[in-house]
Every structure is written in C-alpha cells, then in structure tokens.
Amino acid sequence: MGIALITLKIMPSSPEADLEEIKNKAKSIIEENKATKTRFEEEPIAFGLKAVKAFFDLDENHELEPIEESLKQIENISSVQVIDMRRAFG
C-alpha cells in the first residue's frame, strides 16, 4: 500500500482556547496512531477564532477514524474535519 497525505481542520470551541496546548495534544495523538511528518498551521476564521490545520502522512494500512475520534475528545475542541486526503506518489 501507499502513503496518504492528510489535512485535518481542528476547530477550537472559543477564541480563548490555548492553541499551543491543542497542537501538543494533537501531535501526541497523531503520532501515537503511526502517522509521521506532523506539522500545524493556524487559520484565522472570524472574531479572533483560529482553526488549527494538521498535516501528516499516514500509511494506508492504518485507519484515520481513530485519530479523528481521539482528537474530538481534546478539551476545547468543537469539531474535527478531514479537508484533504490524497495518495503520495514517488
């Protein structure tokens, strides 16, 4: 099988949520589930609210759903959405 390049949008529940704490917990969850090359970006939404975009590689033999469900359990997270998933070539 191949490698999937995944992008998730993690929405905090409020502008006051600690994005660094969310990123640290998300990185831990993502890497515990065998993903690699994890990185994050912040995306301004509105009224001071910023989403966290998580980018990582995941072997296609591993499922994405456990990562999504674990991320949803992080305190101050309102939603987790897959916004891009593609197969890596080369």
PDB file of N, CA and C in Angstrom:
ATOM      1  N   MET A   1       0.840  -1.185   0.000  1.00  0.00           N
ATOM      2  CA  MET A   1       0.000   0.000   0.000  1.00  0.00           C
ATOM      3  C   MET A   1       0.883   1.246   0.000  1.00  0.00           C
ATOM      4  N   GLY A   2       0.226   2.395  -0.104  1.00  0.00           N
ATOM      5  CA  GLY A   2       0.951   3.652  -0.187  1.00  0.00           C
ATOM      6  C   GLY A   2       0.818   4.492   1.063  1.00  0.00           C
ATOM      7  N   ILE A   3       1.191   5.740   0.895  1.00  0.00           N
ATOM      8  CA  ILE A   3       1.119   6.720   1.981  1.00  0.00           C
ATOM      9  C   ILE A   3       0.043   7.737   1.620  1.00  0.00           C
ATOM     10  N   ALA A   4      -0.814   8.056   2.578  1.00  0.00           N
ATOM     11  CA  ALA A   4      -1.835   9.089   2.399  1.00  0.00           C
ATOM     12  C   ALA A   4      -1.357  10.370   3.064  1.00  0.00           C
ATOM     13  N   LEU A   5      -1.520  11.477   2.360  1.00  0.00           N
ATOM     14  CA  LEU A   5      -1.218  12.802   2.904  1.00  0.00           C
ATOM     15  C   LEU A   5      -2.540  13.373   3.401  1.00  0.00           C
ATOM     16  N   ILE A   6      -2.627  13.640   4.691  1.00  0.00           N
ATOM     17  CA  ILE A   6      -3.877  14.035   5.335  1.00  0.00           C
ATOM     18  C   ILE A   6      -3.792  15.472   5.826  1.00  0.00           C
ATOM     19  N   THR A   7      -4.892  16.214   5.659  1.00  0.00           N
ATOM     20  CA  THR A   7      -5.037  17.532   6.263  1.00  0.00           C
ATOM     21  C   THR A   7      -6.344  17.539   7.051  1.00  0.00           C
ATOM     22  N   LEU A   8      -6.245  17.853   8.325  1.00  0.00           N
ATOM     23  CA  LEU A   8      -7.421  17.961   9.191  1.00  0.00           C
ATOM     24  C   LEU A   8      -7.571  19.402   9.656  1.00  0.00           C
ATOM     25  N   LYS A   9      -8.828  19.857   9.780  1.00  0.00           N
ATOM     26  CA  LYS A   9      -9.101  21.165  10.370  1.00  0.00           C
ATOM     27  C   LYS A   9      -9.680  20.917  11.757  1.00  0.00           C
ATOM     28  N   ILE A  10      -8.981  21.415  12.766  1.00  0.00           N
ATOM     29  CA  ILE A  10      -9.392  21.268  14.162  1.00  0.00           C
ATOM     30  C   ILE A  10      -9.913  22.622  14.629  1.00  0.00           C
ATOM     31  N   MET A  11     -11.208  22.644  14.958  1.00  0.00           N
ATOM     32  CA  MET A  11     -11.838  23.899  15.371  1.00  0.00           C
ATOM     33  C   MET A  11     -11.940  23.970  16.891  1.00  0.00           C
ATOM     34  N   PRO A  12     -11.326  24.987  17.500  1.00  0.00           N
ATOM     35  CA  PRO A  12     -11.481  25.180  18.940  1.00  0.00           C
ATOM     36  C   PRO A  12     -12.889  25.682  19.256  1.00  0.00           C
ATOM     37  N   SER A  13     -13.297  25.503  20.489  1.00  0.00           N
ATOM     38  CA  SER A  13     -14.648  25.913  20.891  1.00  0.00           C
ATOM     39  C   SER A  13     -14.768  27.414  21.126  1.00  0.00           C
ATOM     40  N   SER A  14     -13.625  28.099  21.313  1.00  0.00           N
ATOM     41  CA  SER A  14     -13.682  29.553  21.513  1.00  0.00           C
ATOM     42  C   SER A  14     -12.339  30.183  21.165  1.00  0.00           C
ATOM     43  N   PRO A  15     -12.326  31.512  20.960  1.00  0.00           N
ATOM     44  CA  PRO A  15     -11.063  32.202  20.676  1.00  0.00           C
ATOM     45  C   PRO A  15     -10.073  32.143  21.843  1.00  0.00           C
ATOM     46  N   GLU A  16     -10.574  31.872  23.053  1.00  0.00           N
ATOM     47  CA  GLU A  16      -9.704  31.821  24.227  1.00  0.00           C
ATOM     48  C   GLU A  16      -8.992  30.471  24.383  1.00  0.00           C
ATOM     49  N   ALA A  17      -9.318  29.497  23.571  1.00  0.00           N
ATOM     50  CA  ALA A  17      -8.696  28.173  23.685  1.00  0.00           C
ATOM     51  C   ALA A  17      -7.191  28.295  23.446  1.00  0.00           C
ATOM     52  N   ASP A  18      -6.412  27.539  24.187  1.00  0.00           N
ATOM     53  CA  ASP A  18      -4.954  27.544  24.073  1.00  0.00           C
ATOM     54  C   ASP A  18      -4.543  26.689  22.872  1.00  0.00           C
ATOM     55  N   LEU A  19      -4.202  27.351  21.759  1.00  0.00           N
ATOM     56  CA  LEU A  19      -3.872  26.625  20.533  1.00  0.00           C
ATOM     57  C   LEU A  19      -2.593  25.814  20.655  1.00  0.00           C
ATOM     58  N   GLU A  20      -1.640  26.291  21.438  1.00  0.00           N
ATOM     59  CA  GLU A  20      -0.394  25.536  21.615  1.00  0.00           C
ATOM     60  C   GLU A  20      -0.670  24.224  22.345  1.00  0.00           C
ATOM     61  N   GLU A  21      -1.525  24.274  23.338  1.00  0.00           N
ATOM     62  CA  GLU A  21      -1.890  23.056  24.068  1.00  0.00           C
ATOM     63  C   GLU A  21      -2.630  22.090  23.140  1.00  0.00           C
ATOM     64  N   ILE A  22      -3.524  22.622  22.312  1.00  0.00           N
ATOM     65  CA  ILE A  22      -4.252  21.786  21.350  1.00  0.00           C
ATOM     66  C   ILE A  22      -3.273  21.139  20.378  1.00  0.00           C
ATOM     67  N   LYS A  23      -2.323  21.905  19.878  1.00  0.00           N
ATOM     68  CA  LYS A  23      -1.331  21.365  18.938  1.00  0.00           C
ATOM     69  C   LYS A  23      -0.497  20.261  19.590  1.00  0.00           C
ATOM     70  N   ASN A  24      -0.066  20.491  20.832  1.00  0.00           N
ATOM     71  CA  ASN A  24       0.750  19.483  21.526  1.00  0.00           C
ATOM     72  C   ASN A  24      -0.015  18.184  21.737  1.00  0.00           C
ATOM     73  N   LYS A  25      -1.272  18.289  22.171  1.00  0.00           N
ATOM     74  CA  LYS A  25      -2.091  17.097  22.386  1.00  0.00           C
ATOM     75  C   LYS A  25      -2.392  16.409  21.059  1.00  0.00           C
ATOM     76  N   ALA A  26      -2.688  17.197  20.030  1.00  0.00           N
ATOM     77  CA  ALA A  26      -2.992  16.636  18.709  1.00  0.00           C
ATOM     78  C   ALA A  26      -1.776  15.908  18.148  1.00  0.00           C
ATOM     79  N   LYS A  27      -0.593  16.499  18.279  1.00  0.00           N
ATOM     80  CA  LYS A  27       0.629  15.865  17.774  1.00  0.00           C
ATOM     81  C   LYS A  27       0.843  14.523  18.459  1.00  0.00           C
ATOM     82  N   SER A  28       0.640  14.476  19.750  1.00  0.00           N
ATOM     83  CA  SER A  28       0.796  13.244  20.511  1.00  0.00           C
ATOM     84  C   SER A  28      -0.181  12.174  20.010  1.00  0.00           C
ATOM     85  N   ILE A  29      -1.435  12.536  19.829  1.00  0.00           N
ATOM     86  CA  ILE A  29      -2.454  11.592  19.355  1.00  0.00           C
ATOM     87  C   ILE A  29      -2.132  11.112  17.941  1.00  0.00           C
ATOM     88  N   ILE A  30      -1.785  12.031  17.075  1.00  0.00           N
ATOM     89  CA  ILE A  30      -1.499  11.688  15.685  1.00  0.00           C
ATOM     90  C   ILE A  30      -0.319  10.729  15.599  1.00  0.00           C
ATOM     91  N   GLU A  31       0.752  11.022  16.330  1.00  0.00           N
ATOM     92  CA  GLU A  31       1.945  10.178  16.255  1.00  0.00           C
ATOM     93  C   GLU A  31       1.768   8.848  16.972  1.00  0.00           C
ATOM     94  N   GLU A  32       0.906   8.782  17.995  1.00  0.00           N
ATOM     95  CA  GLU A  32       0.598   7.508  18.642  1.00  0.00           C
ATOM     96  C   GLU A  32      -0.113   6.564  17.680  1.00  0.00           C
ATOM     97  N   ASN A  33      -0.770   7.124  16.675  1.00  0.00           N
ATOM     98  CA  ASN A  33      -1.514   6.341  15.692  1.00  0.00           C
ATOM     99  C   ASN A  33      -0.706   6.112  14.412  1.00  0.00           C
ATOM    100  N   LYS A  34       0.609   6.126  14.548  1.00  0.00           N
ATOM    101  CA  LYS A  34       1.544   5.744  13.481  1.00  0.00           C
ATOM    102  C   LYS A  34       1.666   6.742  12.330  1.00  0.00           C
ATOM    103  N   ALA A  35       1.233   7.970  12.514  1.00  0.00           N
ATOM    104  CA  ALA A  35       1.408   8.987  11.481  1.00  0.00           C
ATOM    105  C   ALA A  35       2.795   9.614  11.624  1.00  0.00           C
ATOM    106  N   THR A  36       3.278  10.199  10.541  1.00  0.00           N
ATOM    107  CA  THR A  36       4.607  10.819  10.544  1.00  0.00           C
ATOM    108  C   THR A  36       4.528  12.213   9.918  1.00  0.00           C
ATOM    109  N   LYS A  37       5.624  12.933  10.034  1.00  0.00           N
ATOM    110  CA  LYS A  37       5.792  14.261   9.424  1.00  0.00           C
ATOM    111  C   LYS A  37       4.663  15.225   9.794  1.00  0.00           C
ATOM    112  N   THR A  38       4.315  15.245  11.059  1.00  0.00           N
ATOM    113  CA  THR A  38       3.224  16.093  11.538  1.00  0.00           C
ATOM    114  C   THR A  38       3.661  17.551  11.610  1.00  0.00           C
ATOM    115  N   ARG A  39       2.814  18.428  11.087  1.00  0.00           N
ATOM    116  CA  ARG A  39       3.048  19.873  11.225  1.00  0.00           C
ATOM    117  C   ARG A  39       1.704  20.570  11.324  1.00  0.00           C
ATOM    118  N   PHE A  40       1.720  21.801  11.809  1.00  0.00           N
ATOM    119  CA  PHE A  40       0.484  22.544  12.056  1.00  0.00           C
ATOM    120  C   PHE A  40       0.573  23.952  11.488  1.00  0.00           C
ATOM    121  N   GLU A  41      -0.586  24.487  11.133  1.00  0.00           N
ATOM    122  CA  GLU A  41      -0.733  25.897  10.762  1.00  0.00           C
ATOM    123  C   GLU A  41      -1.993  26.417  11.440  1.00  0.00           C
ATOM    124  N   GLU A  42      -2.004  27.714  11.690  1.00  0.00           N
ATOM    125  CA  GLU A  42      -3.206  28.349  12.226  1.00  0.00           C
ATOM    126  C   GLU A  42      -3.900  29.104  11.102  1.00  0.00           C
ATOM    127  N   GLU A  43      -5.231  28.978  11.043  1.00  0.00           N
ATOM    128  CA  GLU A  43      -6.016  29.644  10.010  1.00  0.00           C
ATOM    129  C   GLU A  43      -7.039  30.566  10.671  1.00  0.00           C
ATOM    130  N   PRO A  44      -6.918  31.891  10.465  1.00  0.00           N
ATOM    131  CA  PRO A  44      -7.905  32.809  11.033  1.00  0.00           C
ATOM    132  C   PRO A  44      -9.297  32.519  10.457  1.00  0.00           C
ATOM    133  N   ILE A  45     -10.302  32.486  11.331  1.00  0.00           N
ATOM    134  CA  ILE A  45     -11.679  32.233  10.900  1.00  0.00           C
ATOM    135  C   ILE A  45     -12.477  33.537  10.993  1.00  0.00           C
ATOM    136  N   ALA A  46     -12.779  33.989  12.195  1.00  0.00           N
ATOM    137  CA  ALA A  46     -13.508  35.252  12.391  1.00  0.00           C
ATOM    138  C   ALA A  46     -13.513  35.623  13.862  1.00  0.00           C
ATOM    139  N   PHE A  47     -13.558  36.901  14.143  1.00  0.00           N
ATOM    140  CA  PHE A  47     -13.692  37.422  15.509  1.00  0.00           C
ATOM    141  C   PHE A  47     -12.650  36.842  16.472  1.00  0.00           C
ATOM    142  N   GLY A  48     -11.423  36.689  15.991  1.00  0.00           N
ATOM    143  CA  GLY A  48     -10.351  36.181  16.842  1.00  0.00           C
ATOM    144  C   GLY A  48     -10.246  34.665  16.908  1.00  0.00           C
ATOM    145  N   LEU A  49     -11.203  33.951  16.344  1.00  0.00           N
ATOM    146  CA  LEU A  49     -11.171  32.485  16.340  1.00  0.00           C
ATOM    147  C   LEU A  49     -10.218  31.999  15.262  1.00  0.00           C
ATOM    148  N   LYS A  50      -9.358  31.065  15.623  1.00  0.00           N
ATOM    149  CA  LYS A  50      -8.417  30.475  14.676  1.00  0.00           C
ATOM    150  C   LYS A  50      -8.567  28.966  14.696  1.00  0.00           C
ATOM    151  N   ALA A  51      -8.592  28.369  13.509  1.00  0.00           N
ATOM    152  CA  ALA A  51      -8.599  26.909  13.390  1.00  0.00           C
ATOM    153  C   ALA A  51      -7.155  26.435  13.343  1.00  0.00           C
ATOM    154  N   VAL A  52      -6.936  25.205  13.749  1.00  0.00           N
ATOM    155  CA  VAL A  52      -5.627  24.569  13.643  1.00  0.00           C
ATOM    156  C   VAL A  52      -5.717  23.554  12.519  1.00  0.00           C
ATOM    157  N   LYS A  53      -4.838  23.705  11.523  1.00  0.00           N
ATOM    158  CA  LYS A  53      -4.780  22.723  10.448  1.00  0.00           C
ATOM    159  C   LYS A  53      -3.613  21.783  10.744  1.00  0.00           C
ATOM    160  N   ALA A  54      -3.897  20.495  10.748  1.00  0.00           N
ATOM    161  CA  ALA A  54      -2.870  19.479  10.994  1.00  0.00           C
ATOM    162  C   ALA A  54      -2.573  18.774   9.680  1.00  0.00           C
ATOM    163  N   PHE A  55      -1.298  18.675   9.344  1.00  0.00           N
ATOM    164  CA  PHE A  55      -0.847  17.989   8.137  1.00  0.00           C
ATOM    165  C   PHE A  55       0.024  16.820   8.573  1.00  0.00           C
ATOM    166  N   PHE A  56      -0.220  15.628   8.025  1.00  0.00           N
ATOM    167  CA  PHE A  56       0.611  14.477   8.362  1.00  0.00           C
ATOM    168  C   PHE A  56       0.498  13.391   7.308  1.00  0.00           C
ATOM    169  N   ASP A  57       1.451  12.459   7.344  1.00  0.00           N
ATOM    170  CA  ASP A  57       1.463  11.295   6.459  1.00  0.00           C
ATOM    171  C   ASP A  57       0.986  10.093   7.256  1.00  0.00           C
ATOM    172  N   LEU A  58       0.172   9.253   6.616  1.00  0.00           N
ATOM    173  CA  LEU A  58      -0.349   8.062   7.273  1.00  0.00           C
ATOM    174  C   LEU A  58      -0.322   6.907   6.294  1.00  0.00           C
ATOM    175  N   ASP A  59       0.285   5.792   6.707  1.00  0.00           N
ATOM    176  CA  ASP A  59       0.289   4.591   5.882  1.00  0.00           C
ATOM    177  C   ASP A  59      -1.159   4.181   5.631  1.00  0.00           C
ATOM    178  N   GLU A  60      -1.477   3.810   4.405  1.00  0.00           N
ATOM    179  CA  GLU A  60      -2.858   3.461   4.058  1.00  0.00           C
ATOM    180  C   GLU A  60      -3.354   2.207   4.775  1.00  0.00           C
ATOM    181  N   ASN A  61      -2.459   1.455   5.390  1.00  0.00           N
ATOM    182  CA  ASN A  61      -2.869   0.280   6.165  1.00  0.00           C
ATOM    183  C   ASN A  61      -3.464   0.671   7.514  1.00  0.00           C
ATOM    184  N   HIS A  62      -3.271   1.911   7.928  1.00  0.00           N
ATOM    185  CA  HIS A  62      -3.795   2.398   9.206  1.00  0.00           C
ATOM    186  C   HIS A  62      -5.055   3.220   8.948  1.00  0.00           C
ATOM    187  N   GLU A  63      -5.979   3.158   9.891  1.00  0.00           N
ATOM    188  CA  GLU A  63      -7.236   3.884   9.732  1.00  0.00           C
ATOM    189  C   GLU A  63      -7.124   5.302  10.279  1.00  0.00           C
ATOM    190  N   LEU A  64      -7.857   6.205   9.654  1.00  0.00           N
ATOM    191  CA  LEU A  64      -7.872   7.610  10.061  1.00  0.00           C
ATOM    192  C   LEU A  64      -8.901   7.861  11.167  1.00  0.00           C
ATOM    193  N   GLU A  65      -9.960   7.100  11.186  1.00  0.00           N
ATOM    194  CA  GLU A  65     -11.056   7.332  12.130  1.00  0.00           C
ATOM    195  C   GLU A  65     -10.624   7.363  13.604  1.00  0.00           C
ATOM    196  N   PRO A  66      -9.745   6.458  14.058  1.00  0.00           N
ATOM    197  CA  PRO A  66      -9.323   6.552  15.470  1.00  0.00           C
ATOM    198  C   PRO A  66      -8.628   7.878  15.803  1.00  0.00           C
ATOM    199  N   ILE A  67      -7.902   8.425  14.841  1.00  0.00           N
ATOM    200  CA  ILE A  67      -7.244   9.719  15.057  1.00  0.00           C
ATOM    201  C   ILE A  67      -8.307  10.806  15.208  1.00  0.00           C
ATOM    202  N   GLU A  68      -9.268  10.831  14.289  1.00  0.00           N
ATOM    203  CA  GLU A  68     -10.333  11.833  14.355  1.00  0.00           C
ATOM    204  C   GLU A  68     -11.097  11.756  15.673  1.00  0.00           C
ATOM    205  N   GLU A  69     -11.478  10.552  16.067  1.00  0.00           N
ATOM    206  CA  GLU A  69     -12.265  10.385  17.297  1.00  0.00           C
ATOM    207  C   GLU A  69     -11.470  10.817  18.529  1.00  0.00           C
ATOM    208  N   SER A  70     -10.179  10.499  18.563  1.00  0.00           N
ATOM    209  CA  SER A  70      -9.341  10.907  19.698  1.00  0.00           C
ATOM    210  C   SER A  70      -9.173  12.423  19.746  1.00  0.00           C
ATOM    211  N   LEU A  71      -9.014  13.046  18.580  1.00  0.00           N
ATOM    212  CA  LEU A  71      -8.862  14.497  18.539  1.00  0.00           C
ATOM    213  C   LEU A  71     -10.122  15.199  19.031  1.00  0.00           C
ATOM    214  N   LYS A  72     -11.284  14.647  18.729  1.00  0.00           N
ATOM    215  CA  LYS A  72     -12.550  15.240  19.168  1.00  0.00           C
ATOM    216  C   LYS A  72     -12.689  15.233  20.687  1.00  0.00           C
ATOM    217  N   GLN A  73     -11.929  14.366  21.354  1.00  0.00           N
ATOM    218  CA  GLN A  73     -12.003  14.257  22.814  1.00  0.00           C
ATOM    219  C   GLN A  73     -11.129  15.285  23.533  1.00  0.00           C
ATOM    220  N   ILE A  74     -10.284  16.001  22.792  1.00  0.00           N
ATOM    221  CA  ILE A  74      -9.435  17.020  23.405  1.00  0.00           C
ATOM    222  C   ILE A  74     -10.320  18.145  23.946  1.00  0.00           C
ATOM    223  N   GLU A  75      -9.992  18.620  25.137  1.00  0.00           N
ATOM    224  CA  GLU A  75     -10.747  19.718  25.745  1.00  0.00           C
ATOM    225  C   GLU A  75     -10.679  20.962  24.855  1.00  0.00           C
ATOM    226  N   ASN A  76     -11.779  21.681  24.747  1.00  0.00           N
ATOM    227  CA  ASN A  76     -11.917  22.907  23.966  1.00  0.00           C
ATOM    228  C   ASN A  76     -11.907  22.698  22.450  1.00  0.00           C
ATOM    229  N   ILE A  77     -12.238  21.501  21.986  1.00  0.00           N
ATOM    230  CA  ILE A  77     -12.364  21.233  20.549  1.00  0.00           C
ATOM    231  C   ILE A  77     -13.844  21.124  20.221  1.00  0.00           C
ATOM    232  N   SER A  78     -14.297  21.880  19.221  1.00  0.00           N
ATOM    233  CA  SER A  78     -15.711  21.777  18.836  1.00  0.00           C
ATOM    234  C   SER A  78     -15.909  20.825  17.664  1.00  0.00           C
ATOM    235  N   SER A  79     -14.906  20.725  16.754  1.00  0.00           N
ATOM    236  CA  SER A  79     -15.048  19.792  15.632  1.00  0.00           C
ATOM    237  C   SER A  79     -13.697  19.464  15.018  1.00  0.00           C
ATOM    238  N   VAL A  80     -13.679  18.322  14.320  1.00  0.00           N
ATOM    239  CA  VAL A  80     -12.502  17.881  13.563  1.00  0.00           C
ATOM    240  C   VAL A  80     -13.018  17.443  12.200  1.00  0.00           C
ATOM    241  N   GLN A  81     -12.397  17.968  11.143  1.00  0.00           N
ATOM    242  CA  GLN A  81     -12.871  17.686   9.791  1.00  0.00           C
ATOM    243  C   GLN A  81     -11.691  17.357   8.881  1.00  0.00           C
ATOM    244  N   VAL A  82     -11.843  16.294   8.086  1.00  0.00           N
ATOM    245  CA  VAL A  82     -10.842  15.983   7.069  1.00  0.00           C
ATOM    246  C   VAL A  82     -11.104  16.947   5.903  1.00  0.00           C
ATOM    247  N   ILE A  83     -10.111  17.771   5.577  1.00  0.00           N
ATOM    248  CA  ILE A  83     -10.314  18.701   4.470  1.00  0.00           C
ATOM    249  C   ILE A  83      -9.521  18.305   3.230  1.00  0.00           C
ATOM    250  N   ASP A  84      -8.568  17.376   3.384  1.00  0.00           N
ATOM    251  CA  ASP A  84      -7.839  16.887   2.220  1.00  0.00           C
ATOM    252  C   ASP A  84      -7.219  15.536   2.540  1.00  0.00           C
ATOM    253  N   MET A  85      -7.288  14.645   1.565  1.00  0.00           N
ATOM    254  CA  MET A  85      -6.670  13.337   1.693  1.00  0.00           C
ATOM    255  C   MET A  85      -6.275  12.900   0.288  1.00  0.00           C
ATOM    256  N   ARG A  86      -4.993  12.625   0.105  1.00  0.00           N
ATOM    257  CA  ARG A  86      -4.527  12.203  -1.211  1.00  0.00           C
ATOM    258  C   ARG A  86      -3.388  11.211  -1.067  1.00  0.00           C
ATOM    259  N   ARG A  87      -3.192  10.428  -2.078  1.00  0.00           N
ATOM    260  CA  ARG A  87      -2.132   9.431  -2.074  1.00  0.00           C
ATOM    261  C   ARG A  87      -0.838  10.080  -2.553  1.00  0.00           C
ATOM    262  N   ALA A  88       0.246   9.776  -1.832  1.00  0.00           N
ATOM    263  CA  ALA A  88       1.563  10.285  -2.192  1.00  0.00           C
ATOM    264  C   ALA A  88       2.185   9.364  -3.235  1.00  0.00           C
ATOM    265  N   PHE A  89       2.801   9.938  -4.229  1.00  0.00           N
ATOM    266  CA  PHE A  89       3.499   9.176  -5.262  1.00  0.00           C
ATOM    267  C   PHE A  89       4.965   9.560  -5.248  1.00  0.00           C
ATOM    268  N   GLY A  90       5.791   8.585  -5.578  1.00  0.00           N
ATOM    269  CA  GLY A  90       7.210   8.875  -5.738  1.00  0.00           C
ATOM    270  C   GLY A  90       8.062   8.576  -4.586  1.00  0.00           C
TER     271      GLY A  90
END
